[in-house]
C-alpha cells in the first residue's frame, strides 16, 4: 500500500492538537516568567503607576525600555519572595527595598566617607562667585552715559529707565549669583577687576554694549568634611545600592526564565529579553 504525503494544514492541526493547552499563551499574556503568565493589564498598571495616563502614546523604544524594567521588577519581587523577605502582593518598592537590606547595610562607614572626601576633594570646591547688575544696549553712546551715571552712584533702575527712553531695546537686571567661568571671557575679564559697588567700563560684545555694577563677591571655598559628609553618604549609598541591585537582578534572571510574547504588546518590542511567537 502506498502512503500519501500528509497535507500541511492537516499536519499543523495535528501538532496543535497534540500540544498541551497550557503551552500556548492566552491573548492577553505579554510574557512568561518562570512558567507564570504576565498579563497586559499588569503592564498597563505599571505604566500608570510610573508615568501616569497616556504612557501608551510613547514611542516603541522607550516603551520597550519600560517593559524591560517592568519585567526586572517582577523578577526582583519573585526573588524577594523566594528569600523570605517579602510576601506575594507586597508593593514592589517595599519588596525590593527588603531584598536590598537583607544583604547588609547600605550606609557607608565614617572611614569610607572620609576616604571618599580625601580622594575627591575637587568635587567640594566652590569657585569664586559674583552677583552683579548688568545693562545691555545696542548704542555705545547710551552705554557710555549709563556707565557715567552708575559710576556717580545713580540707582540702577533709574539709569536703566533713561537708557530705555534712548534705546527701546536696552535691557538690564540684577543677575543671580554666578561663577566668573559662567560668563564669556571678555565679560568675565571686565567683572574680575571690580570691587563690590564698582562699575565697569563699557564692554563691547557681538550682541551689544555691556555695563556692569558689582553687587557682591563670594570668595572661593572648599566645603569642610562635616558639611560635605551628608551628600557623600547619600552618593555612596546610591552606588552601593545600584551595584547590589545589579547582582540581585543577575541572580533573579539565573533562577527564572523570561519569554516575551510581543504579538500582545501595543508597540514594537526591541528590549533585551528573548521573544517567542508560538502563533506564527
Protein backbone atom coordinates (compact mmCIF):
# COMPACT_ATOMS: atom_id res chain seq x y z
CA UNK A 1 0.00 0.00 0.00
CA UNK A 2 1.36 3.41 -0.99
CA UNK A 3 1.43 6.20 1.68
CA UNK A 4 0.32 9.63 0.54
CA UNK A 5 2.19 12.71 1.85
CA UNK A 6 0.37 14.44 4.68
CA UNK A 7 -1.46 17.66 3.90
CA UNK A 8 0.46 20.57 5.53
CA UNK A 9 -2.71 22.05 7.02
CA UNK A 10 -3.71 18.70 8.50
CA UNK A 11 -0.19 18.26 9.89
CA UNK A 12 -0.32 21.65 11.63
CA UNK A 13 -3.71 20.84 13.06
CA UNK A 14 -2.43 17.52 14.37
CA UNK A 15 0.58 19.15 16.01
CA UNK A 16 -1.62 21.77 17.63
CA UNK A 17 -3.94 19.06 18.92
CA UNK A 18 -1.01 17.21 20.48
CA UNK A 19 0.24 20.32 22.30
CA UNK A 20 -0.89 20.72 25.88
CA UNK A 21 -3.48 23.53 26.19
CA UNK A 22 -1.30 25.36 28.70
CA UNK A 23 1.65 25.56 26.29
CA UNK A 24 0.17 28.43 24.27
CA UNK A 25 -0.20 31.85 25.88
CA UNK A 26 -3.60 33.44 26.16
CA UNK A 27 -4.44 36.53 24.09
CA UNK A 28 -3.69 38.90 27.00
CA UNK A 29 -0.34 37.35 28.01
CA UNK A 30 2.67 39.58 27.29
CA UNK A 31 5.37 37.41 28.88
CA UNK A 32 6.09 34.30 30.88
CA UNK A 33 8.32 34.43 33.90
CA UNK A 34 9.43 31.16 35.47
CA UNK A 35 6.44 29.49 33.82
CA UNK A 36 3.91 32.00 35.13
CA UNK A 37 1.87 34.23 32.83
CA UNK A 38 2.34 38.01 32.90
CA UNK A 39 -0.72 39.79 31.57
CA UNK A 40 -1.15 43.02 29.63
CA UNK A 41 -3.22 44.56 32.44
CA UNK A 42 -0.24 44.24 34.80
CA UNK A 43 2.00 46.23 32.44
CA UNK A 44 -0.72 48.83 31.91
CA UNK A 45 -0.94 49.28 35.69
CA UNK A 46 2.86 49.60 35.85
CA UNK A 47 2.79 52.36 33.22
CA UNK A 48 0.02 54.23 35.02
CA UNK A 49 1.88 53.93 38.33
CA UNK A 50 5.22 55.16 36.98
CA UNK A 51 4.46 57.66 34.22
CA UNK A 52 0.73 58.33 34.52
CA UNK A 53 -2.03 58.10 31.98
CA UNK A 54 -1.06 58.35 28.34
CA UNK A 55 2.13 56.32 28.65
CA UNK A 56 0.98 54.08 25.81
CA UNK A 57 1.47 57.06 23.46
CA UNK A 58 5.25 56.83 23.85
CA UNK A 59 7.41 55.56 21.01
CA UNK A 60 8.39 51.89 20.84
CA UNK A 61 11.98 52.36 22.09
CA UNK A 62 11.08 53.99 25.46
CA UNK A 63 8.13 51.60 25.87
CA UNK A 64 10.50 48.65 25.30
CA UNK A 65 12.84 50.01 27.97
CA UNK A 66 9.92 50.45 30.37
CA UNK A 67 8.70 46.93 29.63
CA UNK A 68 12.16 45.56 30.47
CA UNK A 69 12.13 47.49 33.76
CA UNK A 70 8.67 46.09 34.48
CA UNK A 71 9.93 42.52 33.96
CA UNK A 72 13.02 43.20 36.05
CA UNK A 73 10.78 44.46 38.86
CA UNK A 74 8.78 41.23 38.70
CA UNK A 75 11.99 39.18 38.78
CA UNK A 76 13.23 41.01 41.87
CA UNK A 77 9.87 40.68 43.64
CA UNK A 78 9.92 36.95 42.91
CA UNK A 79 13.45 36.68 44.31
CA UNK A 80 12.37 38.58 47.45
CA UNK A 81 9.55 36.05 47.96
CA UNK A 82 11.91 33.11 47.45
CA UNK A 83 14.33 34.52 50.02
CA UNK A 84 11.55 35.09 52.52
CA UNK A 85 11.95 38.85 52.83
CA UNK A 86 8.64 39.73 51.13
CA UNK A 87 5.22 38.20 50.56
CA UNK A 88 3.30 37.84 47.31
CA UNK A 89 1.31 41.02 46.77
CA UNK A 90 3.71 43.31 48.65
CA UNK A 91 4.26 46.65 46.86
CA UNK A 92 7.29 46.27 44.54
CA UNK A 93 9.23 49.10 46.18
CA UNK A 94 8.83 47.51 49.61
CA UNK A 95 9.85 44.07 48.34
CA UNK A 96 12.93 45.39 46.52
CA UNK A 97 14.00 47.53 49.49
CA UNK A 98 13.70 44.47 51.74
CA UNK A 99 15.78 42.48 49.27
CA UNK A 100 18.49 45.14 49.24
CA UNK A 101 18.53 45.44 53.04
CA UNK A 102 18.79 41.67 53.53
CA UNK A 103 22.34 41.64 52.22
CA UNK A 104 23.59 44.11 54.82
CA UNK A 105 23.52 47.86 55.43
CA UNK A 106 23.92 50.24 52.51
CA UNK A 107 25.12 53.20 54.57
CA UNK A 108 28.90 53.74 54.33
CA UNK A 109 31.12 53.91 57.38
CA UNK A 110 32.68 57.15 58.60
CA UNK A 111 36.04 55.87 57.35
CA UNK A 112 34.62 55.35 53.85
CA UNK A 113 33.15 58.85 53.86
CA UNK A 114 36.47 60.38 54.90
CA UNK A 115 38.36 58.35 52.29
CA UNK A 116 35.97 59.50 49.54
CA UNK A 117 36.34 63.11 50.65
CA UNK A 118 40.11 62.88 50.52
CA UNK A 119 40.15 61.31 47.06
CA UNK A 120 37.59 63.70 45.54
CA UNK A 121 38.41 66.98 47.24
CA UNK A 122 37.96 68.94 44.00
CA UNK A 123 34.31 67.95 43.96
CA UNK A 124 33.74 70.06 47.08
CA UNK A 125 35.44 73.26 45.90
CA UNK A 126 33.15 76.16 45.06
CA UNK A 127 34.72 78.75 42.75
CA UNK A 128 34.54 82.47 43.44
CA UNK A 129 31.05 83.76 42.67
CA UNK A 130 29.63 87.20 41.95
CA UNK A 131 26.27 88.96 41.97
CA UNK A 132 26.09 91.87 39.58
CA UNK A 133 23.85 94.30 37.77
CA UNK A 134 24.05 94.18 34.00
CA UNK A 135 22.85 96.76 31.49
CA UNK A 136 22.88 95.93 27.77
CA UNK A 137 22.23 98.30 24.89
CA UNK A 138 22.93 98.35 21.19
CA UNK A 139 24.02 102.02 21.29
CA UNK A 140 27.52 102.84 22.54
CA UNK A 141 26.56 106.42 23.46
CA UNK A 142 23.71 105.16 25.64
CA UNK A 143 26.11 102.68 27.30
CA UNK A 144 28.70 105.42 27.98
CA UNK A 145 26.08 107.68 29.59
CA UNK A 146 24.78 104.79 31.69
CA UNK A 147 28.33 103.96 32.83
CA UNK A 148 28.93 107.55 33.96
CA UNK A 149 25.60 107.69 35.83
CA UNK A 150 26.22 104.39 37.58
CA UNK A 151 29.79 105.32 38.49
CA UNK A 152 28.42 108.54 40.04
CA UNK A 153 26.19 106.48 42.34
CA UNK A 154 22.94 106.51 40.35
CA UNK A 155 20.30 103.89 41.12
CA UNK A 156 20.45 101.12 38.56
CA UNK A 157 16.69 101.16 37.94
CA UNK A 158 16.75 104.92 37.26
CA UNK A 159 19.74 104.60 34.90
CA UNK A 160 18.05 101.73 33.06
CA UNK A 161 14.83 103.70 32.59
CA UNK A 162 16.77 106.57 31.00
CA UNK A 163 18.66 104.14 28.76
CA UNK A 164 15.38 102.59 27.60
CA UNK A 165 14.00 106.01 26.66
CA UNK A 166 17.01 106.46 24.38
CA UNK A 167 17.16 102.84 23.17
CA UNK A 168 13.89 100.89 23.37
CA UNK A 169 15.81 97.60 23.12
CA UNK A 170 18.01 98.33 26.16
CA UNK A 171 17.66 95.81 28.97
CA UNK A 172 19.12 95.16 32.39
CA UNK A 173 18.66 93.32 35.68
CA UNK A 174 20.32 92.02 38.82
CA UNK A 175 21.77 88.71 37.74
CA UNK A 176 21.70 85.72 40.06
CA UNK A 177 24.87 84.54 41.74
CA UNK A 178 27.26 83.05 39.18
CA UNK A 179 30.84 81.94 38.78
CA UNK A 180 33.07 84.08 36.57
CA UNK A 181 33.59 80.98 34.45
CA UNK A 182 29.88 81.13 33.57
CA UNK A 183 30.48 84.41 31.71
CA UNK A 184 32.09 84.75 28.28
CA UNK A 185 35.82 85.52 28.71
CA UNK A 186 35.55 89.14 27.51
CA UNK A 187 32.83 89.86 30.09
CA UNK A 188 34.49 87.85 32.87
CA UNK A 189 37.68 89.89 32.45
CA UNK A 190 35.77 93.14 32.98
CA UNK A 191 33.97 91.85 36.08
CA UNK A 192 37.02 90.17 37.65
CA UNK A 193 38.68 93.54 38.34
CA UNK A 194 35.70 95.08 40.13
CA UNK A 195 35.23 95.52 43.87
CA UNK A 196 31.69 95.47 45.32
CA UNK A 197 29.91 98.71 44.38
CA UNK A 198 32.21 99.50 41.44
CA UNK A 199 31.07 99.97 37.84
CA UNK A 200 32.85 98.52 34.83
CA UNK A 201 33.76 100.31 31.66
CA UNK A 202 31.69 99.77 28.53
CA UNK A 203 32.35 96.26 27.28
CA UNK A 204 31.64 95.66 23.60
CA UNK A 205 30.42 92.20 22.64
CA UNK A 206 28.99 90.66 19.49
CA UNK A 207 25.42 91.43 20.52
CA UNK A 208 25.77 94.91 22.10
CA UNK A 209 27.46 97.02 24.76
CA UNK A 210 27.51 95.91 28.42
CA UNK A 211 27.91 97.88 31.62
CA UNK A 212 28.26 96.01 34.95
CA UNK A 213 27.97 97.07 38.57
CA UNK A 214 29.24 94.50 41.06
CA UNK A 215 26.80 93.87 43.89
CA UNK A 216 28.74 91.27 45.89
CA UNK A 217 31.60 88.82 45.63
CA UNK A 218 31.74 85.43 47.37
CA UNK A 219 35.26 84.05 47.67
CA UNK A 220 36.15 80.52 46.57
CA UNK A 221 35.92 77.91 49.30
CA UNK A 222 36.16 74.19 49.94
CA UNK A 223 33.40 72.53 51.91
CA UNK A 224 34.79 71.02 55.13
CA UNK A 225 34.22 67.31 55.66
CA UNK A 226 31.37 67.69 58.22
CA UNK A 227 29.46 69.86 55.73
CA UNK A 228 30.11 67.56 52.77
CA UNK A 229 29.54 64.28 54.64
CA UNK A 230 25.71 64.01 54.24
CA UNK A 231 25.90 64.25 50.45
CA UNK A 232 28.85 61.81 50.36
CA UNK A 233 26.83 59.30 52.41
CA UNK A 234 23.89 59.60 50.02
CA UNK A 235 26.13 59.20 46.98
CA UNK A 236 27.99 56.16 48.34
CA UNK A 237 24.74 54.53 49.47
CA UNK A 238 23.27 55.03 45.98
CA UNK A 239 26.36 53.50 44.38
CA UNK A 240 26.24 50.52 46.74
CA UNK A 241 22.50 50.04 46.15
CA UNK A 242 22.96 50.16 42.36
CA UNK A 243 25.76 47.58 42.47
CA UNK A 244 23.82 45.30 44.81
CA UNK A 245 20.68 45.62 42.71
CA UNK A 246 22.60 44.58 39.59
CA UNK A 247 23.90 41.48 41.41
CA UNK A 248 20.41 40.60 42.68
CA UNK A 249 18.89 41.03 39.23
CA UNK A 250 21.54 38.74 37.73
CA UNK A 251 20.72 36.13 40.39
CA UNK A 252 16.98 36.52 39.72
CA UNK A 253 17.47 36.03 35.98
CA UNK A 254 19.57 32.91 36.54
CA UNK A 255 16.68 31.41 38.52
CA UNK A 256 13.76 32.37 36.29
CA UNK A 257 13.44 32.10 32.51
CA UNK A 258 11.71 35.06 30.86
CA UNK A 259 9.96 34.94 27.48
CA UNK A 260 8.22 37.87 25.81
CA UNK A 261 5.14 37.44 23.61
CA UNK A 262 5.36 40.60 21.57
CA UNK A 263 2.24 39.99 19.49
CA UNK A 264 0.19 41.04 22.53
CA UNK A 265 2.16 44.26 23.09
CA UNK A 266 0.84 47.53 21.62
CA UNK A 267 4.30 48.54 20.40
CA UNK A 268 7.28 47.04 18.56
CA UNK A 269 9.35 45.39 21.26
CA UNK A 270 13.13 45.88 21.00
CA UNK A 271 14.21 45.07 24.54
CA UNK A 272 16.74 42.59 25.85
CA UNK A 273 14.57 39.59 26.74
CA UNK A 274 14.00 36.69 24.28
CA UNK A 275 10.84 36.81 22.16
CA UNK A 276 8.63 33.84 21.22
CA UNK A 277 5.88 33.82 18.58
CA UNK A 278 4.10 30.49 19.09
CA UNK A 279 1.18 31.56 16.91
CA UNK A 280 3.40 32.04 13.88
